[in-house]
Amino acid sequence: MKILKIAGIIVGSFVGVFVLIFYLYPLLNQNLFEEWMDNEDEAALYSDAWTKGGLSEEELDRLKEEMDNLQATNKELLNTVDSLMLVNEELKLEIEEWENMEDFLPVAQSATDPVDRGSTQHMDDEEFSERVKSLLNLDEDELAPILRQMDQGQLVRLYRNAGNIQREKMLRSLEPARAASLMSEVML
């Protein structure tokens, strides 16, 4: 306990002397204090000149206006980048859809042979029904992307060879506009 009292007296004395010197210094060394204050004023002048760069008010206003224009342009460019990223994502999805669709398109036997896109129409109805039976047994969620990849002629043939339950499933799997188009073609 005595050690804390002694330490407190020493620290308190030091702080007291320091405060006393701080307030008495300008009175004791008036010449040094005035010289120091003059140097402070010059330093403030130099710092103002440095921050302004020796520029006039008109030049500062022009630079501020140019900076505002650059910030606005930067904001527009960032918005453009954001929209381009969205378009890029949409295009990636579309490319994936096209790549998936290649699995369902017929392929030419050689480079000179044309691709026979109507090859499914050359099959008789029984053979065609047998081949697409597994396709129509898929769930609606699994069937929808496959039907999206088919052309209108393939959809019409598939619809005509399907049973009533499978037809309903096909129509539920298609987008409304595509289902309406299919129905209008089937009804003709």
N, C-alpha and C. Protein backbone atom coordinates (compact mmCIF):
# COMPACT_ATOMS: atom_id res chain seq x y z
N MET A 1 0.81 -1.18 0.00
CA MET A 1 0.00 0.00 0.00
C MET A 1 0.86 1.26 0.00
N LYS A 2 1.99 1.18 0.75
CA LYS A 2 2.89 2.32 0.81
C LYS A 2 3.52 2.58 -0.55
N ILE A 3 3.74 1.49 -1.29
CA ILE A 3 4.36 1.64 -2.61
C ILE A 3 3.42 2.38 -3.55
N LEU A 4 2.14 2.12 -3.48
CA LEU A 4 1.16 2.82 -4.32
C LEU A 4 1.09 4.30 -3.97
N LYS A 5 1.17 4.62 -2.67
CA LYS A 5 1.15 6.02 -2.26
C LYS A 5 2.38 6.74 -2.77
N ILE A 6 3.54 6.10 -2.68
CA ILE A 6 4.78 6.73 -3.14
C ILE A 6 4.73 6.91 -4.65
N ALA A 7 4.26 5.88 -5.39
CA ALA A 7 4.15 5.98 -6.85
C ALA A 7 3.15 7.06 -7.23
N GLY A 8 2.05 7.19 -6.50
CA GLY A 8 1.06 8.22 -6.79
C GLY A 8 1.62 9.61 -6.55
N ILE A 9 2.42 9.78 -5.49
CA ILE A 9 3.02 11.09 -5.21
C ILE A 9 4.01 11.45 -6.30
N ILE A 10 4.79 10.48 -6.77
CA ILE A 10 5.78 10.76 -7.83
C ILE A 10 5.08 11.13 -9.13
N VAL A 11 4.10 10.36 -9.53
CA VAL A 11 3.36 10.63 -10.77
C VAL A 11 2.62 11.96 -10.66
N GLY A 12 1.97 12.20 -9.55
CA GLY A 12 1.25 13.46 -9.36
C GLY A 12 2.18 14.66 -9.40
N SER A 13 3.37 14.54 -8.80
CA SER A 13 4.34 15.63 -8.83
C SER A 13 4.80 15.89 -10.25
N PHE A 14 5.06 14.81 -11.00
CA PHE A 14 5.53 14.96 -12.38
C PHE A 14 4.47 15.65 -13.24
N VAL A 15 3.23 15.24 -13.11
CA VAL A 15 2.14 15.84 -13.89
C VAL A 15 1.97 17.30 -13.49
N GLY A 16 2.04 17.59 -12.21
CA GLY A 16 1.89 18.97 -11.75
C GLY A 16 2.98 19.86 -12.29
N VAL A 17 4.24 19.40 -12.24
CA VAL A 17 5.37 20.19 -12.77
C VAL A 17 5.21 20.37 -14.27
N PHE A 18 4.80 19.34 -14.96
CA PHE A 18 4.62 19.44 -16.42
C PHE A 18 3.56 20.47 -16.78
N VAL A 19 2.43 20.49 -16.10
CA VAL A 19 1.36 21.45 -16.35
C VAL A 19 1.85 22.86 -16.02
N LEU A 20 2.59 23.02 -14.95
CA LEU A 20 3.10 24.32 -14.55
C LEU A 20 4.05 24.86 -15.61
N ILE A 21 4.94 24.02 -16.12
CA ILE A 21 5.88 24.46 -17.16
C ILE A 21 5.12 24.81 -18.44
N PHE A 22 4.13 24.01 -18.79
CA PHE A 22 3.36 24.25 -20.01
C PHE A 22 2.72 25.64 -19.99
N TYR A 23 2.14 26.04 -18.87
CA TYR A 23 1.47 27.34 -18.78
C TYR A 23 2.43 28.49 -18.52
N LEU A 24 3.56 28.24 -17.90
CA LEU A 24 4.50 29.31 -17.62
C LEU A 24 5.50 29.54 -18.75
N TYR A 25 5.69 28.61 -19.66
CA TYR A 25 6.67 28.73 -20.74
C TYR A 25 6.47 30.00 -21.57
N PRO A 26 5.24 30.31 -22.02
CA PRO A 26 5.10 31.54 -22.81
C PRO A 26 5.49 32.79 -22.02
N LEU A 27 5.29 32.80 -20.74
CA LEU A 27 5.63 33.98 -19.95
C LEU A 27 7.13 34.07 -19.70
N LEU A 28 7.81 32.96 -19.49
CA LEU A 28 9.23 32.96 -19.20
C LEU A 28 10.07 33.22 -20.45
N ASN A 29 9.70 32.63 -21.56
CA ASN A 29 10.46 32.78 -22.81
C ASN A 29 9.58 33.42 -23.86
N GLN A 30 9.27 34.67 -23.65
CA GLN A 30 8.33 35.35 -24.54
C GLN A 30 8.90 35.49 -25.95
N ASN A 31 10.18 35.75 -26.08
CA ASN A 31 10.79 35.91 -27.41
C ASN A 31 10.72 34.59 -28.19
N LEU A 32 11.10 33.48 -27.56
CA LEU A 32 11.04 32.19 -28.23
C LEU A 32 9.60 31.80 -28.59
N PHE A 33 8.69 32.13 -27.70
CA PHE A 33 7.29 31.81 -27.95
C PHE A 33 6.76 32.58 -29.17
N GLU A 34 7.07 33.88 -29.26
CA GLU A 34 6.61 34.70 -30.40
C GLU A 34 7.23 34.20 -31.69
N GLU A 35 8.52 33.84 -31.64
CA GLU A 35 9.18 33.31 -32.83
C GLU A 35 8.53 32.00 -33.28
N TRP A 36 8.22 31.17 -32.30
CA TRP A 36 7.57 29.89 -32.62
C TRP A 36 6.19 30.11 -33.22
N MET A 37 5.43 31.08 -32.69
CA MET A 37 4.10 31.39 -33.24
C MET A 37 4.20 31.95 -34.65
N ASP A 38 5.23 32.77 -34.93
CA ASP A 38 5.42 33.28 -36.28
C ASP A 38 5.71 32.14 -37.25
N ASN A 39 6.52 31.20 -36.84
CA ASN A 39 6.80 30.04 -37.68
C ASN A 39 5.54 29.20 -37.92
N GLU A 40 4.67 29.11 -36.94
CA GLU A 40 3.41 28.39 -37.09
C GLU A 40 2.54 29.04 -38.16
N ASP A 41 2.49 30.39 -38.17
CA ASP A 41 1.69 31.10 -39.18
C ASP A 41 2.24 30.84 -40.58
N GLU A 42 3.57 30.87 -40.72
CA GLU A 42 4.18 30.60 -42.02
C GLU A 42 3.91 29.16 -42.45
N ALA A 43 4.01 28.26 -41.51
CA ALA A 43 3.75 26.85 -41.83
C ALA A 43 2.31 26.67 -42.30
N ALA A 44 1.38 27.37 -41.65
CA ALA A 44 -0.02 27.30 -42.07
C ALA A 44 -0.18 27.85 -43.48
N LEU A 45 0.51 28.96 -43.78
CA LEU A 45 0.45 29.53 -45.13
C LEU A 45 1.00 28.53 -46.16
N TYR A 46 2.13 27.92 -45.85
CA TYR A 46 2.71 26.95 -46.78
C TYR A 46 1.81 25.74 -46.96
N SER A 47 1.19 25.32 -45.88
CA SER A 47 0.33 24.15 -46.00
C SER A 47 -0.91 24.47 -46.83
N ASP A 48 -1.47 25.71 -46.70
CA ASP A 48 -2.60 26.11 -47.54
C ASP A 48 -2.19 26.16 -49.00
N ALA A 49 -1.02 26.73 -49.26
CA ALA A 49 -0.53 26.81 -50.64
C ALA A 49 -0.28 25.40 -51.19
N TRP A 50 0.22 24.51 -50.34
CA TRP A 50 0.51 23.14 -50.78
C TRP A 50 -0.77 22.39 -51.09
N THR A 51 -1.79 22.52 -50.21
CA THR A 51 -3.03 21.79 -50.45
C THR A 51 -3.76 22.33 -51.66
N LYS A 52 -3.71 23.62 -51.87
CA LYS A 52 -4.36 24.18 -53.05
C LYS A 52 -3.50 24.01 -54.29
N GLY A 53 -2.22 23.77 -54.08
CA GLY A 53 -1.32 23.59 -55.21
C GLY A 53 -1.08 24.89 -55.95
N GLY A 54 -1.31 26.00 -55.31
CA GLY A 54 -1.12 27.28 -55.96
C GLY A 54 -2.17 27.52 -57.04
N LEU A 55 -3.33 26.88 -56.97
CA LEU A 55 -4.37 26.99 -57.98
C LEU A 55 -5.37 28.06 -57.59
N SER A 56 -5.93 28.69 -58.59
CA SER A 56 -6.95 29.70 -58.33
C SER A 56 -8.29 29.01 -58.04
N GLU A 57 -9.23 29.79 -57.56
CA GLU A 57 -10.56 29.24 -57.25
C GLU A 57 -11.24 28.70 -58.51
N GLU A 58 -11.05 29.38 -59.64
CA GLU A 58 -11.66 28.93 -60.89
C GLU A 58 -11.10 27.57 -61.31
N GLU A 59 -9.77 27.42 -61.16
CA GLU A 59 -9.16 26.14 -61.52
C GLU A 59 -9.64 25.03 -60.58
N LEU A 60 -9.77 25.35 -59.29
CA LEU A 60 -10.28 24.36 -58.34
C LEU A 60 -11.71 23.95 -58.68
N ASP A 61 -12.55 24.92 -59.03
CA ASP A 61 -13.94 24.62 -59.41
C ASP A 61 -13.98 23.76 -60.66
N ARG A 62 -13.11 24.09 -61.63
CA ARG A 62 -13.08 23.32 -62.88
C ARG A 62 -12.64 21.88 -62.59
N LEU A 63 -11.63 21.72 -61.71
CA LEU A 63 -11.17 20.37 -61.37
C LEU A 63 -12.24 19.59 -60.61
N LYS A 64 -12.97 20.26 -59.74
CA LYS A 64 -14.05 19.58 -59.01
C LYS A 64 -15.14 19.14 -59.99
N GLU A 65 -15.47 20.01 -60.94
CA GLU A 65 -16.50 19.66 -61.94
C GLU A 65 -16.04 18.48 -62.79
N GLU A 66 -14.77 18.50 -63.18
CA GLU A 66 -14.23 17.40 -63.98
C GLU A 66 -14.24 16.09 -63.18
N MET A 67 -13.91 16.20 -61.88
CA MET A 67 -13.93 15.01 -61.04
C MET A 67 -15.36 14.47 -60.90
N ASP A 68 -16.35 15.35 -60.78
CA ASP A 68 -17.74 14.91 -60.71
C ASP A 68 -18.15 14.21 -62.00
N ASN A 69 -17.72 14.78 -63.14
CA ASN A 69 -18.04 14.15 -64.43
C ASN A 69 -17.40 12.77 -64.54
N LEU A 70 -16.16 12.66 -64.09
CA LEU A 70 -15.48 11.37 -64.14
C LEU A 70 -16.15 10.35 -63.22
N GLN A 71 -16.62 10.79 -62.07
CA GLN A 71 -17.31 9.88 -61.17
C GLN A 71 -18.64 9.43 -61.78
N ALA A 72 -19.35 10.33 -62.45
CA ALA A 72 -20.61 9.96 -63.11
C ALA A 72 -20.34 8.96 -64.23
N THR A 73 -19.29 9.21 -65.01
CA THR A 73 -18.92 8.29 -66.09
C THR A 73 -18.54 6.93 -65.52
N ASN A 74 -17.80 6.94 -64.41
CA ASN A 74 -17.41 5.69 -63.76
C ASN A 74 -18.64 4.91 -63.31
N LYS A 75 -19.62 5.62 -62.75
CA LYS A 75 -20.85 4.96 -62.30
C LYS A 75 -21.60 4.34 -63.48
N GLU A 76 -21.67 5.07 -64.60
CA GLU A 76 -22.34 4.54 -65.80
C GLU A 76 -21.61 3.29 -66.31
N LEU A 77 -20.27 3.35 -66.31
CA LEU A 77 -19.51 2.20 -66.79
C LEU A 77 -19.70 0.99 -65.87
N LEU A 78 -19.78 1.21 -64.57
CA LEU A 78 -20.03 0.11 -63.65
C LEU A 78 -21.41 -0.50 -63.89
N ASN A 79 -22.41 0.36 -64.16
CA ASN A 79 -23.75 -0.16 -64.47
C ASN A 79 -23.73 -0.96 -65.76
N THR A 80 -22.97 -0.48 -66.76
CA THR A 80 -22.86 -1.19 -68.03
C THR A 80 -22.20 -2.55 -67.81
N VAL A 81 -21.16 -2.58 -66.98
CA VAL A 81 -20.48 -3.84 -66.69
C VAL A 81 -21.44 -4.81 -66.02
N ASP A 82 -22.24 -4.31 -65.08
CA ASP A 82 -23.21 -5.17 -64.40
C ASP A 82 -24.22 -5.76 -65.39
N SER A 83 -24.74 -4.90 -66.29
CA SER A 83 -25.72 -5.40 -67.26
C SER A 83 -25.07 -6.38 -68.24
N LEU A 84 -23.82 -6.11 -68.61
CA LEU A 84 -23.14 -7.05 -69.51
C LEU A 84 -22.88 -8.39 -68.83
N MET A 85 -22.63 -8.36 -67.53
CA MET A 85 -22.44 -9.62 -66.81
C MET A 85 -23.74 -10.42 -66.80
N LEU A 86 -24.88 -9.74 -66.65
CA LEU A 86 -26.17 -10.43 -66.69
C LEU A 86 -26.41 -11.04 -68.07
N VAL A 87 -26.12 -10.26 -69.12
CA VAL A 87 -26.28 -10.77 -70.48
C VAL A 87 -25.36 -11.96 -70.71
N ASN A 88 -24.14 -11.88 -70.19
CA ASN A 88 -23.18 -12.97 -70.32
C ASN A 88 -23.71 -14.25 -69.67
N GLU A 89 -24.29 -14.12 -68.48
CA GLU A 89 -24.86 -15.28 -67.80
C GLU A 89 -26.00 -15.89 -68.62
N GLU A 90 -26.87 -15.01 -69.18
CA GLU A 90 -27.98 -15.51 -69.99
C GLU A 90 -27.45 -16.24 -71.23
N LEU A 91 -26.40 -15.69 -71.85
CA LEU A 91 -25.83 -16.34 -73.03
C LEU A 91 -25.18 -17.68 -72.68
N LYS A 92 -24.56 -17.76 -71.51
CA LYS A 92 -23.98 -19.04 -71.08
C LYS A 92 -25.07 -20.09 -70.93
N LEU A 93 -26.21 -19.69 -70.33
CA LEU A 93 -27.32 -20.63 -70.19
C LEU A 93 -27.85 -21.06 -71.54
N GLU A 94 -27.93 -20.12 -72.46
CA GLU A 94 -28.42 -20.44 -73.80
C GLU A 94 -27.45 -21.39 -74.52
N ILE A 95 -26.15 -21.17 -74.33
CA ILE A 95 -25.16 -22.06 -74.94
C ILE A 95 -25.31 -23.46 -74.37
N GLU A 96 -25.52 -23.56 -73.06
CA GLU A 96 -25.71 -24.87 -72.45
C GLU A 96 -26.95 -25.55 -73.02
N GLU A 97 -28.02 -24.79 -73.24
CA GLU A 97 -29.23 -25.38 -73.83
C GLU A 97 -28.95 -25.89 -75.23
N TRP A 98 -28.18 -25.10 -76.02
CA TRP A 98 -27.87 -25.54 -77.38
C TRP A 98 -26.98 -26.77 -77.36
N GLU A 99 -26.05 -26.82 -76.42
CA GLU A 99 -25.19 -28.00 -76.32
C GLU A 99 -26.01 -29.23 -75.94
N ASN A 100 -26.98 -29.06 -75.06
CA ASN A 100 -27.85 -30.18 -74.69
C ASN A 100 -28.73 -30.60 -75.85
N MET A 101 -29.13 -29.64 -76.69
CA MET A 101 -30.00 -29.93 -77.81
C MET A 101 -29.26 -30.76 -78.87
N GLU A 102 -27.94 -30.63 -78.97
CA GLU A 102 -27.18 -31.39 -79.96
C GLU A 102 -27.35 -32.89 -79.77
N ASP A 103 -27.61 -33.31 -78.55
CA ASP A 103 -27.81 -34.74 -78.29
C ASP A 103 -29.05 -35.27 -78.98
N PHE A 104 -30.04 -34.40 -79.24
CA PHE A 104 -31.29 -34.85 -79.82
C PHE A 104 -31.36 -34.64 -81.33
N LEU A 105 -30.39 -33.93 -81.90
CA LEU A 105 -30.41 -33.67 -83.34
C LEU A 105 -29.72 -34.80 -84.08
N PRO A 106 -30.24 -35.17 -85.25
CA PRO A 106 -29.58 -36.20 -86.04
C PRO A 106 -28.24 -35.69 -86.58
N VAL A 107 -27.30 -36.60 -86.80
CA VAL A 107 -25.97 -36.24 -87.27
C VAL A 107 -25.76 -36.85 -88.64
N ALA A 108 -25.08 -36.12 -89.54
CA ALA A 108 -24.80 -36.62 -90.88
C ALA A 108 -23.79 -37.76 -90.79
N GLN A 109 -23.91 -38.74 -91.70
CA GLN A 109 -23.01 -39.88 -91.71
C GLN A 109 -21.61 -39.46 -92.17
N SER A 110 -21.54 -38.56 -93.13
CA SER A 110 -20.24 -38.04 -93.58
C SER A 110 -20.37 -36.53 -93.78
N ALA A 111 -19.25 -35.90 -94.05
CA ALA A 111 -19.26 -34.44 -94.17
C ALA A 111 -20.05 -33.97 -95.39
N THR A 112 -20.16 -34.79 -96.42
CA THR A 112 -20.87 -34.37 -97.64
C THR A 112 -22.35 -34.69 -97.59
N ASP A 113 -22.77 -35.62 -96.72
CA ASP A 113 -24.18 -35.98 -96.61
C ASP A 113 -24.95 -34.90 -95.87
N PRO A 114 -26.13 -34.55 -96.36
CA PRO A 114 -26.94 -33.61 -95.60
C PRO A 114 -27.55 -34.30 -94.38
N VAL A 115 -27.84 -33.53 -93.37
CA VAL A 115 -28.47 -34.07 -92.17
C VAL A 115 -29.95 -34.24 -92.45
N ASP A 116 -30.48 -35.42 -92.20
CA ASP A 116 -31.90 -35.70 -92.40
C ASP A 116 -32.63 -35.38 -91.10
N ARG A 117 -33.18 -34.18 -91.00
CA ARG A 117 -33.83 -33.75 -89.78
C ARG A 117 -35.21 -34.39 -89.61
N GLY A 118 -35.77 -34.92 -90.64
CA GLY A 118 -37.08 -35.54 -90.52
C GLY A 118 -36.99 -37.04 -90.42
N SER A 119 -35.89 -37.56 -89.95
CA SER A 119 -35.69 -39.01 -89.95
C SER A 119 -36.70 -39.72 -89.06
N THR A 120 -37.24 -39.07 -88.05
CA THR A 120 -38.23 -39.72 -87.20
C THR A 120 -39.54 -39.93 -87.95
N GLN A 121 -39.80 -39.18 -89.01
CA GLN A 121 -41.05 -39.33 -89.75
C GLN A 121 -41.02 -40.54 -90.67
N HIS A 122 -39.85 -41.10 -90.95
CA HIS A 122 -39.75 -42.27 -91.80
C HIS A 122 -40.06 -43.55 -91.04
N MET A 123 -40.08 -43.49 -89.72
CA MET A 123 -40.43 -44.66 -88.92
C MET A 123 -41.94 -44.82 -88.93
N ASP A 124 -42.39 -46.05 -88.81
CA ASP A 124 -43.83 -46.23 -88.67
C ASP A 124 -44.23 -45.85 -87.24
N ASP A 125 -45.53 -45.68 -87.04
CA ASP A 125 -46.03 -45.18 -85.77
C ASP A 125 -45.71 -46.11 -84.60
N GLU A 126 -45.75 -47.40 -84.81
CA GLU A 126 -45.46 -48.34 -83.73
C GLU A 126 -44.01 -48.24 -83.28
N GLU A 127 -43.10 -48.18 -84.24
CA GLU A 127 -41.67 -48.08 -83.91
C GLU A 127 -41.40 -46.75 -83.22
N PHE A 128 -42.02 -45.70 -83.70
CA PHE A 128 -41.85 -44.38 -83.09
C PHE A 128 -42.38 -44.38 -81.66
N SER A 129 -43.55 -44.93 -81.44
CA SER A 129 -44.14 -45.00 -80.10
C SER A 129 -43.25 -45.78 -79.15
N GLU A 130 -42.67 -46.83 -79.64
CA GLU A 130 -41.80 -47.66 -78.81
C GLU A 130 -40.54 -46.89 -78.39
N ARG A 131 -40.01 -46.09 -79.30
CA ARG A 131 -38.78 -45.35 -79.02
C ARG A 131 -39.01 -44.20 -78.05
N VAL A 132 -40.16 -43.56 -78.10
CA VAL A 132 -40.38 -42.38 -77.26
C VAL A 132 -41.15 -42.71 -75.98
N LYS A 133 -41.48 -43.98 -75.76
CA LYS A 133 -42.23 -44.36 -74.57
C LYS A 133 -41.47 -43.96 -73.30
N SER A 134 -40.16 -44.20 -73.25
CA SER A 134 -39.37 -43.85 -72.06
C SER A 134 -39.31 -42.33 -71.88
N LEU A 135 -39.31 -41.62 -72.99
CA LEU A 135 -39.29 -40.15 -72.90
C LEU A 135 -40.56 -39.64 -72.25
N LEU A 136 -41.69 -40.15 -72.64
CA LEU A 136 -42.96 -39.67 -72.11
C LEU A 136 -43.24 -40.18 -70.70
N ASN A 137 -42.48 -41.14 -70.22
CA ASN A 137 -42.64 -41.62 -68.85
C ASN A 137 -41.86 -40.78 -67.84
N LEU A 138 -41.10 -39.81 -68.30
CA LEU A 138 -40.35 -38.93 -67.39
C LEU A 138 -41.30 -38.00 -66.64
N ASP A 139 -40.84 -37.47 -65.51
CA ASP A 139 -41.62 -36.47 -64.77
C ASP A 139 -41.67 -35.19 -65.59
N GLU A 140 -42.63 -34.33 -65.25
CA GLU A 140 -42.81 -33.07 -65.98
C GLU A 140 -41.56 -32.20 -65.91
N ASP A 141 -40.92 -32.15 -64.75
CA ASP A 141 -39.73 -31.33 -64.58
C ASP A 141 -38.57 -31.83 -65.44
N GLU A 142 -38.47 -33.13 -65.60
CA GLU A 142 -37.42 -33.71 -66.43
C GLU A 142 -37.77 -33.62 -67.91
N LEU A 143 -39.04 -33.67 -68.22
CA LEU A 143 -39.50 -33.65 -69.61
C LEU A 143 -39.43 -32.25 -70.21
N ALA A 144 -39.68 -31.22 -69.40
CA ALA A 144 -39.76 -29.84 -69.91
C ALA A 144 -38.51 -29.41 -70.67
N PRO A 145 -37.29 -29.58 -70.16
CA PRO A 145 -36.12 -29.12 -70.92
C PRO A 145 -35.93 -29.89 -72.23
N ILE A 146 -36.33 -31.15 -72.25
CA ILE A 146 -36.19 -31.94 -73.47
C ILE A 146 -37.17 -31.45 -74.53
N LEU A 147 -38.41 -31.21 -74.11
CA LEU A 147 -39.41 -30.72 -75.07
C LEU A 147 -39.05 -29.34 -75.59
N ARG A 148 -38.41 -28.54 -74.75
CA ARG A 148 -37.98 -27.20 -75.17
C ARG A 148 -37.01 -27.27 -76.34
N GLN A 149 -36.24 -28.36 -76.42
CA GLN A 149 -35.21 -28.49 -77.44
C GLN A 149 -35.77 -29.03 -78.77
N MET A 150 -36.96 -29.58 -78.75
CA MET A 150 -37.55 -30.18 -79.96
C MET A 150 -38.19 -29.11 -80.84
N ASP A 151 -38.16 -29.38 -82.15
CA ASP A 151 -38.84 -28.44 -83.05
C ASP A 151 -40.34 -28.76 -83.09
N GLN A 152 -41.08 -27.92 -83.76
CA GLN A 152 -42.54 -28.02 -83.75
C GLN A 152 -43.03 -29.32 -84.39
N GLY A 153 -42.40 -29.74 -85.46
CA GLY A 153 -42.80 -30.97 -86.14
C GLY A 153 -42.62 -32.20 -85.26
N GLN A 154 -41.53 -32.23 -84.53
CA GLN A 154 -41.29 -33.35 -83.63
C GLN A 154 -42.32 -33.36 -82.50
N LEU A 155 -42.65 -32.18 -81.99
CA LEU A 155 -43.65 -32.11 -80.92
C LEU A 155 -45.02 -32.59 -81.40
N VAL A 156 -45.41 -32.20 -82.62
CA VAL A 156 -46.71 -32.61 -83.17
C VAL A 156 -46.76 -34.12 -83.31
N ARG A 157 -45.71 -34.72 -83.86
CA ARG A 157 -45.69 -36.18 -84.04
C ARG A 157 -45.71 -36.89 -82.69
N LEU A 158 -44.97 -36.36 -81.74
CA LEU A 158 -44.94 -36.93 -80.40
C LEU A 158 -46.32 -36.85 -79.75
N TYR A 159 -46.99 -35.72 -79.91
CA TYR A 159 -48.31 -35.52 -79.32
C TYR A 159 -49.33 -36.48 -79.93
N ARG A 160 -49.27 -36.63 -81.24
CA ARG A 160 -50.23 -37.49 -81.92
C ARG A 160 -50.05 -38.96 -81.56
N ASN A 161 -48.83 -39.38 -81.24
CA ASN A 161 -48.58 -40.78 -80.91
C ASN A 161 -48.61 -41.06 -79.42
N ALA A 162 -48.91 -40.06 -78.61
CA ALA A 162 -48.94 -40.24 -77.15
C ALA A 162 -50.36 -40.58 -76.70
N GLY A 163 -50.45 -41.17 -75.51
CA GLY A 163 -51.75 -41.44 -74.92
C GLY A 163 -52.29 -40.18 -74.25
N ASN A 164 -53.53 -40.26 -73.76
CA ASN A 164 -54.16 -39.07 -73.17
C ASN A 164 -53.38 -38.55 -71.96
N ILE A 165 -52.96 -39.40 -71.07
CA ILE A 165 -52.22 -38.97 -69.88
C ILE A 165 -50.88 -38.36 -70.29
N GLN A 166 -50.23 -38.97 -71.27
CA GLN A 166 -48.94 -38.46 -71.73
C GLN A 166 -49.11 -37.12 -72.45
N ARG A 167 -50.22 -36.95 -73.16
CA ARG A 167 -50.49 -35.66 -73.82
C ARG A 167 -50.66 -34.55 -72.78
N GLU A 168 -51.40 -34.85 -71.72
CA GLU A 168 -51.59 -33.85 -70.65
C GLU A 168 -50.25 -33.49 -70.03
N LYS A 169 -49.43 -34.49 -69.81
CA LYS A 169 -48.11 -34.24 -69.21
C LYS A 169 -47.26 -33.38 -70.15
N MET A 170 -47.33 -33.65 -71.45
CA MET A 170 -46.58 -32.85 -72.42
C MET A 170 -47.02 -31.40 -72.37
N LEU A 171 -48.33 -31.18 -72.36
CA LEU A 171 -48.84 -29.81 -72.37
C LEU A 171 -48.47 -29.08 -71.08
N ARG A 172 -48.48 -29.77 -69.95
CA ARG A 172 -48.07 -29.13 -68.68
C ARG A 172 -46.58 -28.82 -68.68
N SER A 173 -45.79 -29.59 -69.41
CA SER A 173 -44.34 -29.40 -69.43
C SER A 173 -43.92 -28.26 -70.35
N LEU A 174 -44.77 -27.90 -71.30
CA LEU A 174 -44.43 -26.83 -72.25
C LEU A 174 -44.81 -25.46 -71.71
N GLU A 175 -44.13 -24.43 -72.23
CA GLU A 175 -44.53 -23.06 -71.91
C GLU A 175 -45.90 -22.81 -72.53
N PRO A 176 -46.70 -21.92 -71.95
CA PRO A 176 -48.06 -21.69 -72.45
C PRO A 176 -48.12 -21.34 -73.93
N ALA A 177 -47.22 -20.49 -74.40
CA ALA A 177 -47.25 -20.08 -75.81
C ALA A 177 -46.93 -21.26 -76.72
N ARG A 178 -45.96 -22.07 -76.32
CA ARG A 178 -45.58 -23.22 -77.14
C ARG A 178 -46.69 -24.28 -77.12
N ALA A 179 -47.35 -24.47 -75.96
CA ALA A 179 -48.45 -25.43 -75.88
C ALA A 179 -49.62 -24.98 -76.76
N ALA A 180 -49.90 -23.68 -76.75
CA ALA A 180 -50.98 -23.15 -77.60
C ALA A 180 -50.65 -23.35 -79.08
N SER A 181 -49.40 -23.13 -79.44
CA SER A 181 -48.97 -23.32 -80.82
C SER A 181 -49.11 -24.78 -81.24
N LEU A 182 -48.71 -25.67 -80.33
CA LEU A 182 -48.85 -27.10 -80.59
C LEU A 182 -50.31 -27.50 -80.80
N MET A 183 -51.17 -27.02 -79.92
CA MET A 183 -52.59 -27.37 -80.00
C MET A 183 -53.20 -26.82 -81.29
N SER A 184 -52.84 -25.60 -81.67
CA SER A 184 -53.41 -25.04 -82.89
C SER A 184 -52.96 -25.84 -84.11
N GLU A 185 -51.76 -26.35 -84.09
CA GLU A 185 -51.28 -27.15 -85.22
C GLU A 185 -51.91 -28.54 -85.21
N VAL A 186 -52.13 -29.11 -84.06
CA VAL A 186 -52.75 -30.43 -83.96
C VAL A 186 -54.21 -30.37 -84.38
N MET A 187 -54.90 -29.31 -84.06
CA MET A 187 -56.32 -29.18 -84.37
C MET A 187 -56.60 -28.93 -85.84
N LEU A 188 -55.60 -28.57 -86.62
CA LEU A 188 -55.83 -28.30 -88.04
C LEU A 188 -56.18 -29.53 -88.83
